[in-house]
Amino acid sequence: MVGTVAAVADGTVTVTNVAGAAVTVVVPATATVTTPGLGGLAVGAPVSVLGTTGADGVVTAESITSRPAGG
């Protein structure tokens, strides 16, 4: 999934996907994040999320990668 960070909370990130839907992403300690932890993800930052989507629509991340603006 590619989108923009809408919010960062303890162990979760809300990402607005390219369709405009808000998706909750659970970020376990085993997930790779290409910033210094979740605190390095700023609201409005473009990201790519690789993970598994549950029946409830919540994604459990395997990795979150910061993307360059416009990319």
Protein backbone atom coordinates (compact mmCIF):
# COMPACT_ATOMS: atom_id res chain seq x y z
CA MET A 1 0.00 0.00 0.00
CA VAL A 2 1.20 3.48 -0.82
CA GLY A 3 -0.18 6.51 0.95
CA THR A 4 0.39 9.45 3.26
CA VAL A 5 0.80 9.40 7.02
CA ALA A 6 -2.33 10.86 8.64
CA ALA A 7 -1.48 10.08 12.29
CA VAL A 8 1.11 8.29 14.41
CA ALA A 9 0.20 6.77 17.78
CA ASP A 10 1.73 4.20 20.10
CA GLY A 11 2.28 1.15 17.89
CA THR A 12 0.03 2.30 15.04
CA VAL A 13 0.12 4.56 12.03
CA THR A 14 -2.93 5.77 10.14
CA VAL A 15 -2.23 6.01 6.42
CA THR A 16 -4.47 7.67 3.85
CA ASN A 17 -4.18 5.44 0.77
CA VAL A 18 -4.29 6.63 -2.84
CA ALA A 19 -8.08 6.07 -2.90
CA GLY A 20 -8.44 8.50 0.01
CA ALA A 21 -9.37 5.86 2.60
CA ALA A 22 -7.84 5.92 6.08
CA VAL A 23 -6.16 2.60 6.90
CA THR A 24 -4.93 1.68 10.38
CA VAL A 25 -1.52 0.03 10.33
CA VAL A 26 -0.37 -1.92 13.39
CA VAL A 27 3.41 -1.76 13.67
CA PRO A 28 4.84 -4.64 15.74
CA ALA A 29 8.34 -4.40 17.19
CA THR A 30 9.52 -6.81 14.49
CA ALA A 31 8.54 -4.45 11.64
CA THR A 32 11.22 -2.57 9.76
CA VAL A 33 10.70 1.20 9.69
CA THR A 34 13.04 3.32 7.54
CA THR A 35 13.03 6.22 10.00
CA PRO A 36 14.22 6.34 13.60
CA GLY A 37 11.14 4.48 14.87
CA LEU A 38 7.55 5.58 14.50
CA GLY A 39 8.47 9.00 15.88
CA GLY A 40 10.40 9.64 12.68
CA LEU A 41 7.22 9.39 10.59
CA ALA A 42 5.70 12.84 10.19
CA VAL A 43 2.08 13.57 9.33
CA GLY A 44 1.91 14.21 5.59
CA ALA A 45 4.94 12.04 4.81
CA PRO A 46 4.53 9.65 1.88
CA VAL A 47 5.11 5.99 2.81
CA SER A 48 4.93 2.47 1.43
CA VAL A 49 3.58 -0.24 3.73
CA LEU A 50 4.17 -3.95 3.24
CA GLY A 51 2.04 -6.17 5.42
CA THR A 52 -1.00 -8.37 5.88
CA THR A 53 -4.55 -7.04 5.85
CA GLY A 54 -6.93 -8.62 8.36
CA ALA A 55 -10.65 -9.19 7.85
CA ASP A 56 -11.29 -5.94 9.75
CA GLY A 57 -9.19 -3.97 7.24
CA VAL A 58 -6.36 -3.33 9.71
CA VAL A 59 -2.91 -3.91 8.22
CA THR A 60 -0.15 -5.52 10.30
CA ALA A 61 3.08 -4.10 8.92
CA GLU A 62 6.18 -6.06 8.03
CA SER A 63 7.86 -2.87 6.85
CA ILE A 64 7.16 0.84 6.45
CA THR A 65 9.34 2.76 4.02
CA SER A 66 9.51 6.54 3.82
CA ARG A 67 9.17 7.75 0.25
CA PRO A 68 10.41 10.96 -1.29
CA ALA A 69 7.74 13.65 -1.62
CA GLY A 70 5.96 13.28 -4.93
CA GLY A 71 7.17 9.68 -5.25
